[in-house]
Amino acid sequence: MRQPENKETGLILLGIFIVGFFLFFTNNFYKSVWKKSGLEEAEEIRNYDMQYEMIVGSGKSEFWQTVYDSALEEAEKHDAYVEFHASDMKTGYDETDYMEISIAAGVDGIILEYNGEEELKKEIDKAEDAGIPVITIMSDAPDSKRQSFVGVNDYQMGQAYGEQIAQFLDENIKSILLLLDSEKGDLEKNQLYSQISNAVMKKSSTGEIEVKAEMLTPESKFDIEEAIRMIFQAPEGPPQILVCMDEITTECAYQAMIDFNMVGEVKIIGYYISETIRGAVKKGLIPVTCTLDAEGMGQDCVDAMWELKQEGRVNSYYNAELKFLGKEDIDKADPSKAVKERE
């Protein structure tokens, strides 16, 4: 009578052995695949003492990637982590949304590229009221409760650009066009436009040079390309000097100049040092481009957060050095220390 019981017990043990062997084999197989794919390290989770958020408008540019990488490296020294967010990353969130999410999550600090919107200014104040310090970068919100600003203010930027543009003025220059971000608000209140216009008027003996600005509202690189192509196809022709205030606009303007065979007829004042812009400056096709120390700005943002935590106070302004590079000195520039997407 015991034989059937022994047989049943044996089958159960055999089944357990087979299942166990299968699980062991499967586990080891996937561990091997995981390790070879390099995801084993990515799965490791590290707990940090502080969590910062970096929120910007355009996360696809080399400039912001350099700023972020530098901030992340600096944060590691203080047992902190920086998470990167951008409104153009197709998540459906804009800067205001990311601010609300960060405040709700109770992060330790926020690094923000302010876009001029009143709602975003309210979020800055809301974060500060919640005990979350905000450092603005590239574009400031001085009448908010932000703790510090890292960058160059519009007045300084406008003066610097004005001085550069004035060097290219002669009796043949009749039109100058500035390509500005529409988020910077009314043109009449724009310090960049005002300072550049003043510099041109001082340099022009006849006062016949027309300085205009076009406020771009790009949703994508395609939008910028289309807007610039329309400028080059205008009945009156393109401006003789085209001033670009970000990396993508500079590259699109350069490509349009080539496509429409306007080399020598249009002078582009560039922004940033991408490989495309570097090559154009070296060839003399873009006479000059603007740069800032992107690495230093990333470090300054994190250092400001750390100083605030340690000392309870921080400098209200971290100035970023502004440079214009031409054909002679473009090769001396570190590509990681370049500027993009201001305003």
C-alpha atoms as a PDB file:
ATOM      1  CA  MET A   1       0.000   0.000   0.000  1.00  0.00           C
ATOM      2  CA  ARG A   2       2.937   2.385   0.561  1.00  0.00           C
ATOM      3  CA  GLN A   3       4.292   2.053  -2.957  1.00  0.00           C
ATOM      4  CA  PRO A   4       1.840   4.555  -4.516  1.00  0.00           C
ATOM      5  CA  GLU A   5       2.624   7.049  -1.710  1.00  0.00           C
ATOM      6  CA  ASN A   6       6.363   6.700  -2.283  1.00  0.00           C
ATOM      7  CA  LYS A   7       5.858   7.115  -6.012  1.00  0.00           C
ATOM      8  CA  GLU A   8       3.753  10.242  -5.471  1.00  0.00           C
ATOM      9  CA  THR A   9       6.346  11.667  -3.088  1.00  0.00           C
ATOM     10  CA  GLY A  10       9.063  10.969  -5.610  1.00  0.00           C
ATOM     11  CA  LEU A  11       7.171  12.746  -8.357  1.00  0.00           C
ATOM     12  CA  ILE A  12       6.644  15.778  -6.103  1.00  0.00           C
ATOM     13  CA  LEU A  13      10.342  15.925  -5.240  1.00  0.00           C
ATOM     14  CA  LEU A  14      11.257  15.517  -8.905  1.00  0.00           C
ATOM     15  CA  GLY A  15       8.896  18.349  -9.796  1.00  0.00           C
ATOM     16  CA  ILE A  16      10.402  20.600  -7.126  1.00  0.00           C
ATOM     17  CA  PHE A  17      13.887  19.764  -8.415  1.00  0.00           C
ATOM     18  CA  ILE A  18      12.944  20.548 -12.015  1.00  0.00           C
ATOM     19  CA  VAL A  19      11.299  23.853 -11.055  1.00  0.00           C
ATOM     20  CA  GLY A  20      14.246  24.788  -8.852  1.00  0.00           C
ATOM     21  CA  PHE A  21      16.734  23.939 -11.583  1.00  0.00           C
ATOM     22  CA  PHE A  22      14.736  25.980 -14.108  1.00  0.00           C
ATOM     23  CA  LEU A  23      14.613  29.011 -11.802  1.00  0.00           C
ATOM     24  CA  PHE A  24      18.333  28.705 -11.072  1.00  0.00           C
ATOM     25  CA  PHE A  25      19.187  28.465 -14.771  1.00  0.00           C
ATOM     26  CA  THR A  26      16.868  31.361 -15.709  1.00  0.00           C
ATOM     27  CA  ASN A  27      18.198  33.584 -12.938  1.00  0.00           C
ATOM     28  CA  ASN A  28      21.817  32.987 -13.946  1.00  0.00           C
ATOM     29  CA  PHE A  29      21.007  33.471 -17.626  1.00  0.00           C
ATOM     30  CA  TYR A  30      19.379  36.859 -17.074  1.00  0.00           C
ATOM     31  CA  LYS A  31      22.115  37.933 -14.687  1.00  0.00           C
ATOM     32  CA  SER A  32      24.619  37.209 -17.460  1.00  0.00           C
ATOM     33  CA  VAL A  33      22.598  39.174 -20.012  1.00  0.00           C
ATOM     34  CA  TRP A  34      22.108  42.060 -17.529  1.00  0.00           C
ATOM     35  CA  LYS A  35      25.835  42.226 -16.830  1.00  0.00           C
ATOM     36  CA  LYS A  36      26.837  42.128 -20.508  1.00  0.00           C
ATOM     37  CA  SER A  37      24.383  44.908 -21.338  1.00  0.00           C
ATOM     38  CA  GLY A  38      25.927  47.199 -18.749  1.00  0.00           C
ATOM     39  CA  LEU A  39      22.586  47.664 -17.006  1.00  0.00           C
ATOM     40  CA  GLU A  40      23.753  45.986 -13.814  1.00  0.00           C
ATOM     41  CA  GLU A  41      25.528  49.169 -12.753  1.00  0.00           C
ATOM     42  CA  ALA A  42      22.616  51.330 -13.889  1.00  0.00           C
ATOM     43  CA  GLU A  43      20.262  49.377 -11.616  1.00  0.00           C
ATOM     44  CA  GLU A  44      22.299  50.182  -8.537  1.00  0.00           C
ATOM     45  CA  ILE A  45      20.565  52.754  -6.416  1.00  0.00           C
ATOM     46  CA  ARG A  46      22.462  55.292  -4.365  1.00  0.00           C
ATOM     47  CA  ASN A  47      20.922  57.378  -1.647  1.00  0.00           C
ATOM     48  CA  TYR A  48      22.041  60.999  -1.596  1.00  0.00           C
ATOM     49  CA  ASP A  49      21.880  63.471   1.243  1.00  0.00           C
ATOM     50  CA  MET A  50      20.360  66.204  -0.998  1.00  0.00           C
ATOM     51  CA  GLN A  51      18.304  66.332  -4.173  1.00  0.00           C
ATOM     52  CA  TYR A  52      18.426  69.333  -6.529  1.00  0.00           C
ATOM     53  CA  GLU A  53      16.359  69.927  -9.658  1.00  0.00           C
ATOM     54  CA  MET A  54      17.633  71.756 -12.757  1.00  0.00           C
ATOM     55  CA  ILE A  55      14.793  73.130 -14.888  1.00  0.00           C
ATOM     56  CA  VAL A  56      15.492  74.765 -18.271  1.00  0.00           C
ATOM     57  CA  GLY A  57      13.706  75.556 -21.502  1.00  0.00           C
ATOM     58  CA  SER A  58      15.795  73.717 -24.078  1.00  0.00           C
ATOM     59  CA  GLY A  59      17.485  70.560 -22.873  1.00  0.00           C
ATOM     60  CA  LYS A  60      18.731  69.426 -26.272  1.00  0.00           C
ATOM     61  CA  SER A  61      21.560  71.937 -26.574  1.00  0.00           C
ATOM     62  CA  GLU A  62      25.191  71.115 -25.876  1.00  0.00           C
ATOM     63  CA  PHE A  63      25.394  74.117 -23.590  1.00  0.00           C
ATOM     64  CA  TRP A  64      22.796  72.902 -21.114  1.00  0.00           C
ATOM     65  CA  GLN A  65      24.223  69.406 -21.183  1.00  0.00           C
ATOM     66  CA  THR A  66      27.620  70.852 -20.243  1.00  0.00           C
ATOM     67  CA  VAL A  67      26.090  72.974 -17.475  1.00  0.00           C
ATOM     68  CA  TYR A  68      24.227  69.958 -16.131  1.00  0.00           C
ATOM     69  CA  ASP A  69      27.205  67.579 -16.271  1.00  0.00           C
ATOM     70  CA  SER A  70      29.313  70.143 -14.412  1.00  0.00           C
ATOM     71  CA  ALA A  71      26.613  70.700 -11.778  1.00  0.00           C
ATOM     72  CA  LEU A  72      26.191  66.956 -11.338  1.00  0.00           C
ATOM     73  CA  GLU A  73      29.929  66.456 -10.850  1.00  0.00           C
ATOM     74  CA  GLU A  74      30.114  69.302  -8.341  1.00  0.00           C
ATOM     75  CA  ALA A  75      27.067  67.991  -6.475  1.00  0.00           C
ATOM     76  CA  GLU A  76      28.736  64.588  -6.022  1.00  0.00           C
ATOM     77  CA  LYS A  77      31.346  66.314  -3.841  1.00  0.00           C
ATOM     78  CA  HIS A  78      28.593  67.327  -1.422  1.00  0.00           C
ATOM     79  CA  ASP A  79      26.685  64.024  -1.483  1.00  0.00           C
ATOM     80  CA  ALA A  80      23.967  65.587  -3.615  1.00  0.00           C
ATOM     81  CA  TYR A  81      22.252  64.657  -6.867  1.00  0.00           C
ATOM     82  CA  VAL A  82      20.963  66.956  -9.621  1.00  0.00           C
ATOM     83  CA  GLU A  83      18.032  65.857 -11.768  1.00  0.00           C
ATOM     84  CA  PHE A  84      17.590  67.491 -15.176  1.00  0.00           C
ATOM     85  CA  HIS A  85      14.269  68.666 -16.675  1.00  0.00           C
ATOM     86  CA  ALA A  86      13.531  70.640 -19.853  1.00  0.00           C
ATOM     87  CA  SER A  87      10.259  71.818 -21.343  1.00  0.00           C
ATOM     88  CA  ASP A  88      11.258  70.561 -24.819  1.00  0.00           C
ATOM     89  CA  MET A  89      11.773  66.936 -23.743  1.00  0.00           C
ATOM     90  CA  LYS A  90       8.254  65.940 -24.910  1.00  0.00           C
ATOM     91  CA  THR A  91       7.015  64.977 -21.467  1.00  0.00           C
ATOM     92  CA  GLY A  92       4.057  67.328 -21.694  1.00  0.00           C
ATOM     93  CA  TYR A  93       5.404  69.447 -18.819  1.00  0.00           C
ATOM     94  CA  ASP A  94       6.683  73.029 -18.980  1.00  0.00           C
ATOM     95  CA  GLU A  95       8.871  74.927 -16.512  1.00  0.00           C
ATOM     96  CA  THR A  96       5.921  75.839 -14.287  1.00  0.00           C
ATOM     97  CA  ASP A  97       4.800  72.200 -14.132  1.00  0.00           C
ATOM     98  CA  TYR A  98       8.286  71.044 -13.182  1.00  0.00           C
ATOM     99  CA  MET A  99       8.423  73.704 -10.467  1.00  0.00           C
ATOM    100  CA  GLU A 100       5.115  72.494  -9.017  1.00  0.00           C
ATOM    101  CA  ILE A 101       6.309  68.876  -9.089  1.00  0.00           C
ATOM    102  CA  SER A 102       9.614  69.789  -7.419  1.00  0.00           C
ATOM    103  CA  ILE A 103       7.885  71.772  -4.679  1.00  0.00           C
ATOM    104  CA  ALA A 104       5.427  68.938  -4.027  1.00  0.00           C
ATOM    105  CA  ALA A 105       8.338  66.480  -3.825  1.00  0.00           C
ATOM    106  CA  GLY A 106      10.088  68.683  -1.245  1.00  0.00           C
ATOM    107  CA  VAL A 107      13.458  68.777  -2.997  1.00  0.00           C
ATOM    108  CA  ASP A 108      16.428  70.518  -1.397  1.00  0.00           C
ATOM    109  CA  GLY A 109      16.945  73.144  -4.091  1.00  0.00           C
ATOM    110  CA  ILE A 110      15.993  74.231  -7.602  1.00  0.00           C
ATOM    111  CA  ILE A 111      18.216  75.612 -10.387  1.00  0.00           C
ATOM    112  CA  LEU A 112      15.934  77.423 -12.822  1.00  0.00           C
ATOM    113  CA  GLU A 113      16.277  79.115 -16.194  1.00  0.00           C
ATOM    114  CA  TYR A 114      13.625  81.797 -15.718  1.00  0.00           C
ATOM    115  CA  ASN A 115      11.561  82.427 -18.857  1.00  0.00           C
ATOM    116  CA  GLY A 116       9.933  85.708 -17.856  1.00  0.00           C
ATOM    117  CA  GLU A 117       6.467  84.311 -17.150  1.00  0.00           C
ATOM    118  CA  GLU A 118       4.570  85.716 -14.186  1.00  0.00           C
ATOM    119  CA  GLU A 119       3.298  82.248 -13.228  1.00  0.00           C
ATOM    120  CA  LEU A 120       6.848  80.953 -13.026  1.00  0.00           C
ATOM    121  CA  LYS A 121       7.808  83.859 -10.792  1.00  0.00           C
ATOM    122  CA  LYS A 122       4.970  82.878  -8.456  1.00  0.00           C
ATOM    123  CA  GLU A 123       6.362  79.341  -8.349  1.00  0.00           C
ATOM    124  CA  ILE A 124       9.773  80.703  -7.349  1.00  0.00           C
ATOM    125  CA  ASP A 125       8.184  82.543  -4.425  1.00  0.00           C
ATOM    126  CA  LYS A 126       6.132  79.476  -3.557  1.00  0.00           C
ATOM    127  CA  ALA A 127       9.259  77.325  -3.453  1.00  0.00           C
ATOM    128  CA  GLU A 128      11.071  79.812  -1.219  1.00  0.00           C
ATOM    129  CA  ASP A 129       8.073  79.979   1.116  1.00  0.00           C
ATOM    130  CA  ALA A 130       8.245  76.179   1.321  1.00  0.00           C
ATOM    131  CA  GLY A 131      11.911  76.385   2.350  1.00  0.00           C
ATOM    132  CA  ILE A 132      13.266  75.341  -1.058  1.00  0.00           C
ATOM    133  CA  PRO A 133      15.990  77.733  -2.310  1.00  0.00           C
ATOM    134  CA  VAL A 134      15.889  78.739  -5.987  1.00  0.00           C
ATOM    135  CA  ILE A 135      18.958  79.738  -8.009  1.00  0.00           C
ATOM    136  CA  THR A 136      18.164  81.341 -11.370  1.00  0.00           C
ATOM    137  CA  ILE A 137      20.578  80.772 -14.232  1.00  0.00           C
ATOM    138  CA  MET A 138      21.062  82.578 -17.564  1.00  0.00           C
ATOM    139  CA  SER A 139      17.922  84.679 -17.147  1.00  0.00           C
ATOM    140  CA  ASP A 140      17.092  86.331 -13.843  1.00  0.00           C
ATOM    141  CA  ALA A 141      13.968  87.108 -11.837  1.00  0.00           C
ATOM    142  CA  PRO A 142      15.366  89.847  -9.563  1.00  0.00           C
ATOM    143  CA  ASP A 143      11.976  90.896  -8.194  1.00  0.00           C
ATOM    144  CA  SER A 144      11.211  87.362  -7.000  1.00  0.00           C
ATOM    145  CA  LYS A 145      12.367  85.606  -3.832  1.00  0.00           C
ATOM    146  CA  ARG A 146      15.135  83.693  -5.631  1.00  0.00           C
ATOM    147  CA  GLN A 147      18.320  83.363  -3.600  1.00  0.00           C
ATOM    148  CA  SER A 148      20.933  83.999  -6.291  1.00  0.00           C
ATOM    149  CA  PHE A 149      21.499  84.441 -10.017  1.00  0.00           C
ATOM    150  CA  VAL A 150      24.253  82.819 -12.120  1.00  0.00           C
ATOM    151  CA  GLY A 151      24.917  84.383 -15.522  1.00  0.00           C
ATOM    152  CA  VAL A 152      25.153  87.755 -17.259  1.00  0.00           C
ATOM    153  CA  ASN A 153      22.350  90.274 -16.966  1.00  0.00           C
ATOM    154  CA  ASP A 154      20.565  91.631 -20.042  1.00  0.00           C
ATOM    155  CA  TYR A 155      22.139  95.073 -19.684  1.00  0.00           C
ATOM    156  CA  GLN A 156      25.691  93.697 -19.767  1.00  0.00           C
ATOM    157  CA  MET A 157      24.851  91.285 -22.572  1.00  0.00           C
ATOM    158  CA  GLY A 158      23.285  94.060 -24.639  1.00  0.00           C
ATOM    159  CA  GLN A 159      26.309  96.309 -24.174  1.00  0.00           C
ATOM    160  CA  ALA A 160      28.730  93.537 -25.132  1.00  0.00           C
ATOM    161  CA  TYR A 161      26.766  92.624 -28.244  1.00  0.00           C
ATOM    162  CA  GLY A 162      26.397  96.291 -29.160  1.00  0.00           C
ATOM    163  CA  GLU A 163      30.160  96.788 -29.032  1.00  0.00           C
ATOM    164  CA  GLN A 164      30.730  93.766 -31.268  1.00  0.00           C
ATOM    165  CA  ILE A 165      28.113  94.810 -33.805  1.00  0.00           C
ATOM    166  CA  ALA A 166      29.516  98.349 -33.928  1.00  0.00           C
ATOM    167  CA  GLN A 167      32.838  96.956 -35.181  1.00  0.00           C
ATOM    168  CA  PHE A 168      31.155  95.616 -38.321  1.00  0.00           C
ATOM    169  CA  LEU A 169      29.360  98.818 -39.239  1.00  0.00           C
ATOM    170  CA  ASP A 170      30.305 100.723 -42.393  1.00  0.00           C
ATOM    171  CA  GLU A 171      28.598 102.830 -45.034  1.00  0.00           C
ATOM    172  CA  ASN A 172      27.108  99.706 -46.641  1.00  0.00           C
ATOM    173  CA  ILE A 173      25.276  98.465 -43.546  1.00  0.00           C
ATOM    174  CA  LYS A 174      21.659  99.570 -43.562  1.00  0.00           C
ATOM    175  CA  SER A 175      19.812  96.847 -41.643  1.00  0.00           C
ATOM    176  CA  ILE A 176      20.381  94.808 -38.478  1.00  0.00           C
ATOM    177  CA  LEU A 177      18.027  92.121 -37.169  1.00  0.00           C
ATOM    178  CA  LEU A 178      18.060  90.618 -33.678  1.00  0.00           C
ATOM    179  CA  LEU A 179      16.463  87.203 -33.193  1.00  0.00           C
ATOM    180  CA  LEU A 180      15.072  87.157 -29.657  1.00  0.00           C
ATOM    181  CA  ASP A 181      13.031  84.735 -27.607  1.00  0.00           C
ATOM    182  CA  SER A 182       9.407  85.881 -27.320  1.00  0.00           C
ATOM    183  CA  GLU A 183       9.369  84.778 -23.677  1.00  0.00           C
ATOM    184  CA  LYS A 184      11.487  87.812 -22.808  1.00  0.00           C
ATOM    185  CA  GLY A 185       8.400  90.014 -22.999  1.00  0.00           C
ATOM    186  CA  ASP A 186       7.778  93.389 -24.626  1.00  0.00           C
ATOM    187  CA  LEU A 187      10.438  94.579 -27.051  1.00  0.00           C
ATOM    188  CA  GLU A 188      10.312  98.089 -25.578  1.00  0.00           C
ATOM    189  CA  LYS A 189      11.413  96.692 -22.212  1.00  0.00           C
ATOM    190  CA  ASN A 190      14.087  94.381 -23.602  1.00  0.00           C
ATOM    191  CA  GLN A 191      17.514  95.507 -22.391  1.00  0.00           C
ATOM    192  CA  LEU A 192      19.321  93.500 -25.056  1.00  0.00           C
ATOM    193  CA  TYR A 193      17.507  95.313 -27.836  1.00  0.00           C
ATOM    194  CA  SER A 194      17.834  98.680 -26.123  1.00  0.00           C
ATOM    195  CA  GLN A 195      21.588  98.454 -25.523  1.00  0.00           C
ATOM    196  CA  ILE A 196      22.335  97.131 -29.009  1.00  0.00           C
ATOM    197  CA  SER A 197      20.235  99.900 -30.585  1.00  0.00           C
ATOM    198  CA  ASN A 198      22.038 102.542 -28.529  1.00  0.00           C
ATOM    199  CA  ALA A 199      25.461 101.200 -29.537  1.00  0.00           C
ATOM    200  CA  VAL A 200      24.503 101.217 -33.222  1.00  0.00           C
ATOM    201  CA  MET A 201      23.109 104.746 -33.062  1.00  0.00           C
ATOM    202  CA  LYS A 202      26.308 106.021 -31.423  1.00  0.00           C
ATOM    203  CA  LYS A 203      28.473 104.412 -34.093  1.00  0.00           C
ATOM    204  CA  SER A 204      26.346 105.431 -37.059  1.00  0.00           C
ATOM    205  CA  SER A 205      27.156 108.906 -38.319  1.00  0.00           C
ATOM    206  CA  THR A 206      24.045 109.167 -40.497  1.00  0.00           C
ATOM    207  CA  GLY A 207      21.576 107.395 -38.242  1.00  0.00           C
ATOM    208  CA  GLU A 208      20.193 105.562 -41.275  1.00  0.00           C
ATOM    209  CA  ILE A 209      20.821 102.053 -39.945  1.00  0.00           C
ATOM    210  CA  GLU A 210      17.602 100.249 -39.118  1.00  0.00           C
ATOM    211  CA  VAL A 211      17.725  98.005 -36.056  1.00  0.00           C
ATOM    212  CA  LYS A 212      14.834  95.580 -35.771  1.00  0.00           C
ATOM    213  CA  ALA A 213      14.069  92.522 -33.681  1.00  0.00           C
ATOM    214  CA  GLU A 214      12.010  89.453 -34.377  1.00  0.00           C
ATOM    215  CA  MET A 215      10.529  87.624 -31.416  1.00  0.00           C
ATOM    216  CA  LEU A 216      10.729  83.903 -32.082  1.00  0.00           C
ATOM    217  CA  THR A 217       8.219  81.499 -30.559  1.00  0.00           C
ATOM    218  CA  PRO A 218       9.771  78.162 -31.521  1.00  0.00           C
ATOM    219  CA  GLU A 219       8.262  74.846 -30.511  1.00  0.00           C
ATOM    220  CA  SER A 220      10.983  72.903 -32.325  1.00  0.00           C
ATOM    221  CA  LYS A 221      14.104  73.310 -34.438  1.00  0.00           C
ATOM    222  CA  PHE A 222      11.883  73.048 -37.512  1.00  0.00           C
ATOM    223  CA  ASP A 223       9.994  76.175 -36.406  1.00  0.00           C
ATOM    224  CA  ILE A 224      13.263  78.097 -36.115  1.00  0.00           C
ATOM    225  CA  GLU A 225      14.425  76.877 -39.514  1.00  0.00           C
ATOM    226  CA  GLU A 226      11.161  78.001 -41.112  1.00  0.00           C
ATOM    227  CA  ALA A 227      11.244  81.410 -39.429  1.00  0.00           C
ATOM    228  CA  ILE A 228      14.813  82.054 -40.605  1.00  0.00           C
ATOM    229  CA  ARG A 229      14.113  80.846 -44.145  1.00  0.00           C
ATOM    230  CA  MET A 230      11.249  83.356 -44.299  1.00  0.00           C
ATOM    231  CA  ILE A 231      13.665  86.090 -43.234  1.00  0.00           C
ATOM    232  CA  PHE A 232      16.066  85.173 -46.035  1.00  0.00           C
ATOM    233  CA  GLN A 233      13.194  84.978 -48.552  1.00  0.00           C
ATOM    234  CA  ALA A 234      11.654  88.344 -47.594  1.00  0.00           C
ATOM    235  CA  PRO A 235      10.982  90.675 -50.577  1.00  0.00           C
ATOM    236  CA  GLU A 236      13.417  93.245 -49.199  1.00  0.00           C
ATOM    237  CA  GLY A 237      16.041  90.550 -48.663  1.00  0.00           C
ATOM    238  CA  PRO A 238      17.747  89.458 -45.439  1.00  0.00           C
ATOM    239  CA  PRO A 239      19.380  91.909 -42.996  1.00  0.00           C
ATOM    240  CA  GLN A 240      23.043  92.650 -43.518  1.00  0.00           C
ATOM    241  CA  ILE A 241      23.786  91.777 -39.888  1.00  0.00           C
ATOM    242  CA  LEU A 242      21.848  88.960 -38.215  1.00  0.00           C
ATOM    243  CA  VAL A 243      22.266  88.644 -34.448  1.00  0.00           C
ATOM    244  CA  CYS A 244      21.522  85.203 -32.987  1.00  0.00           C
ATOM    245  CA  MET A 245      20.981  84.623 -29.287  1.00  0.00           C
ATOM    246  CA  ASP A 246      21.163  80.833 -29.053  1.00  0.00           C
ATOM    247  CA  GLU A 247      22.957  77.836 -30.518  1.00  0.00           C
ATOM    248  CA  ILE A 248      20.141  76.412 -32.649  1.00  0.00           C
ATOM    249  CA  THR A 249      19.256  79.811 -34.145  1.00  0.00           C
ATOM    250  CA  THR A 250      22.911  80.395 -35.026  1.00  0.00           C
ATOM    251  CA  GLU A 251      23.224  77.034 -36.761  1.00  0.00           C
ATOM    252  CA  CYS A 252      19.942  77.517 -38.652  1.00  0.00           C
ATOM    253  CA  ALA A 253      20.949  81.031 -39.768  1.00  0.00           C
ATOM    254  CA  TYR A 254      24.319  79.737 -40.941  1.00  0.00           C
ATOM    255  CA  GLN A 255      22.670  76.945 -42.951  1.00  0.00           C
ATOM    256  CA  ALA A 256      20.195  79.395 -44.519  1.00  0.00           C
ATOM    257  CA  MET A 257      23.053  81.706 -45.484  1.00  0.00           C
ATOM    258  CA  ILE A 258      24.707  78.799 -47.301  1.00  0.00           C
ATOM    259  CA  ASP A 259      21.467  77.551 -48.891  1.00  0.00           C
ATOM    260  CA  PHE A 260      20.512  80.970 -50.253  1.00  0.00           C
ATOM    261  CA  ASN A 261      24.058  81.766 -51.383  1.00  0.00           C
ATOM    262  CA  MET A 262      24.280  84.817 -49.122  1.00  0.00           C
ATOM    263  CA  VAL A 263      27.849  84.300 -47.896  1.00  0.00           C
ATOM    264  CA  GLY A 264      29.492  87.708 -47.732  1.00  0.00           C
ATOM    265  CA  GLU A 265      26.151  89.499 -47.912  1.00  0.00           C
ATOM    266  CA  VAL A 266      24.961  88.580 -44.413  1.00  0.00           C
ATOM    267  CA  LYS A 267      27.142  88.799 -41.320  1.00  0.00           C
ATOM    268  CA  ILE A 268      25.993  86.444 -38.547  1.00  0.00           C
ATOM    269  CA  ILE A 269      26.839  87.276 -34.938  1.00  0.00           C
ATOM    270  CA  GLY A 270      26.730  83.826 -33.389  1.00  0.00           C
ATOM    271  CA  TYR A 271      26.158  82.274 -29.999  1.00  0.00           C
ATOM    272  CA  TYR A 272      27.904  79.211 -28.525  1.00  0.00           C
ATOM    273  CA  ILE A 273      30.638  76.925 -29.921  1.00  0.00           C
ATOM    274  CA  SER A 274      29.077  73.771 -31.321  1.00  0.00           C
ATOM    275  CA  GLU A 275      31.151  71.890 -33.882  1.00  0.00           C
ATOM    276  CA  THR A 276      29.125  73.482 -36.684  1.00  0.00           C
ATOM    277  CA  ILE A 277      29.633  76.998 -35.337  1.00  0.00           C
ATOM    278  CA  ARG A 278      33.307  76.376 -34.632  1.00  0.00           C
ATOM    279  CA  GLY A 279      33.844  75.266 -38.224  1.00  0.00           C
ATOM    280  CA  ALA A 280      31.963  78.299 -39.591  1.00  0.00           C
ATOM    281  CA  VAL A 281      34.035  80.713 -37.487  1.00  0.00           C
ATOM    282  CA  LYS A 282      37.297  79.025 -38.532  1.00  0.00           C
ATOM    283  CA  LYS A 283      36.308  79.496 -42.179  1.00  0.00           C
ATOM    284  CA  GLY A 284      35.411  83.120 -41.559  1.00  0.00           C
ATOM    285  CA  LEU A 285      31.768  82.516 -42.532  1.00  0.00           C
ATOM    286  CA  ILE A 286      30.602  83.554 -39.055  1.00  0.00           C
ATOM    287  CA  PRO A 287      32.836  86.475 -38.022  1.00  0.00           C
ATOM    288  CA  VAL A 288      32.347  86.101 -34.271  1.00  0.00           C
ATOM    289  CA  THR A 289      30.480  84.008 -31.716  1.00  0.00           C
ATOM    290  CA  CYS A 290      29.685  84.577 -28.039  1.00  0.00           C
ATOM    291  CA  THR A 291      30.743  82.228 -25.246  1.00  0.00           C
ATOM    292  CA  LEU A 292      30.326  81.786 -21.514  1.00  0.00           C
ATOM    293  CA  ASP A 293      31.954  79.302 -19.149  1.00  0.00           C
ATOM    294  CA  ALA A 294      29.269  76.599 -19.053  1.00  0.00           C
ATOM    295  CA  GLU A 295      31.244  74.383 -16.681  1.00  0.00           C
ATOM    296  CA  GLY A 296      31.827  77.239 -14.266  1.00  0.00           C
ATOM    297  CA  MET A 297      28.154  78.156 -14.294  1.00  0.00           C
ATOM    298  CA  GLY A 298      27.123  74.612 -13.375  1.00  0.00           C
ATOM    299  CA  GLN A 299      29.624  74.598 -10.524  1.00  0.00           C
ATOM    300  CA  ASP A 300      28.509  78.031  -9.312  1.00  0.00           C
ATOM    301  CA  CYS A 301      24.883  76.901  -9.064  1.00  0.00           C
ATOM    302  CA  VAL A 302      25.739  73.946  -6.841  1.00  0.00           C
ATOM    303  CA  ASP A 303      28.284  75.947  -4.822  1.00  0.00           C
ATOM    304  CA  ALA A 304      25.597  78.566  -4.183  1.00  0.00           C
ATOM    305  CA  MET A 305      23.280  75.840  -2.865  1.00  0.00           C
ATOM    306  CA  TRP A 306      26.028  74.432  -0.652  1.00  0.00           C
ATOM    307  CA  GLU A 307      27.015  77.856   0.689  1.00  0.00           C
ATOM    308  CA  LEU A 308      23.389  78.564   1.517  1.00  0.00           C
ATOM    309  CA  LYS A 309      23.104  75.274   3.401  1.00  0.00           C
ATOM    310  CA  GLN A 310      26.349  75.820   5.330  1.00  0.00           C
ATOM    311  CA  GLU A 311      26.235  79.566   5.958  1.00  0.00           C
ATOM    312  CA  GLY A 312      22.542  80.372   5.710  1.00  0.00           C
ATOM    313  CA  ARG A 313      23.271  83.063   3.125  1.00  0.00           C
ATOM    314  CA  VAL A 314      24.698  83.323  -0.376  1.00  0.00           C
ATOM    315  CA  ASN A 315      25.899  85.916  -2.907  1.00  0.00           C
ATOM    316  CA  SER A 316      22.969  87.334  -4.817  1.00  0.00           C
ATOM    317  CA  TYR A 317      24.894  87.350  -8.109  1.00  0.00           C
ATOM    318  CA  TYR A 318      27.516  85.046  -9.660  1.00  0.00           C
ATOM    319  CA  ASN A 319      28.851  86.785 -12.755  1.00  0.00           C
ATOM    320  CA  ALA A 320      29.756  84.655 -15.774  1.00  0.00           C
ATOM    321  CA  GLU A 321      32.541  86.001 -17.980  1.00  0.00           C
ATOM    322  CA  LEU A 322      31.392  86.898 -21.466  1.00  0.00           C
ATOM    323  CA  LYS A 323      33.702  86.480 -24.468  1.00  0.00           C
ATOM    324  CA  PHE A 324      33.461  86.882 -28.225  1.00  0.00           C
ATOM    325  CA  LEU A 325      35.672  84.625 -30.309  1.00  0.00           C
ATOM    326  CA  GLY A 326      36.706  85.121 -33.913  1.00  0.00           C
ATOM    327  CA  LYS A 327      38.729  83.164 -36.451  1.00  0.00           C
ATOM    328  CA  GLU A 328      42.048  83.835 -34.719  1.00  0.00           C
ATOM    329  CA  ASP A 329      41.139  82.512 -31.281  1.00  0.00           C
ATOM    330  CA  ILE A 330      38.305  80.007 -31.827  1.00  0.00           C
ATOM    331  CA  ASP A 331      40.690  77.020 -31.614  1.00  0.00           C
ATOM    332  CA  LYS A 332      41.819  78.123 -28.159  1.00  0.00           C
ATOM    333  CA  ALA A 333      38.298  77.830 -26.792  1.00  0.00           C
ATOM    334  CA  ASP A 334      37.292  74.771 -24.824  1.00  0.00           C
ATOM    335  CA  PRO A 335      34.107  73.474 -26.503  1.00  0.00           C
ATOM    336  CA  SER A 336      32.704  72.623 -23.078  1.00  0.00           C
ATOM    337  CA  LYS A 337      33.000  76.254 -22.033  1.00  0.00           C
ATOM    338  CA  ALA A 338      30.526  77.730 -24.439  1.00  0.00           C
ATOM    339  CA  VAL A 339      27.257  79.494 -24.301  1.00  0.00           C
ATOM    340  CA  LYS A 340      23.806  78.758 -25.474  1.00  0.00           C
ATOM    341  CA  GLU A 341      20.223  79.530 -24.974  1.00  0.00           C
ATOM    342  CA  ARG A 342      20.185  82.638 -22.995  1.00  0.00           C
ATOM    343  CA  GLU A 343      16.950  84.366 -22.201  1.00  0.00           C
END
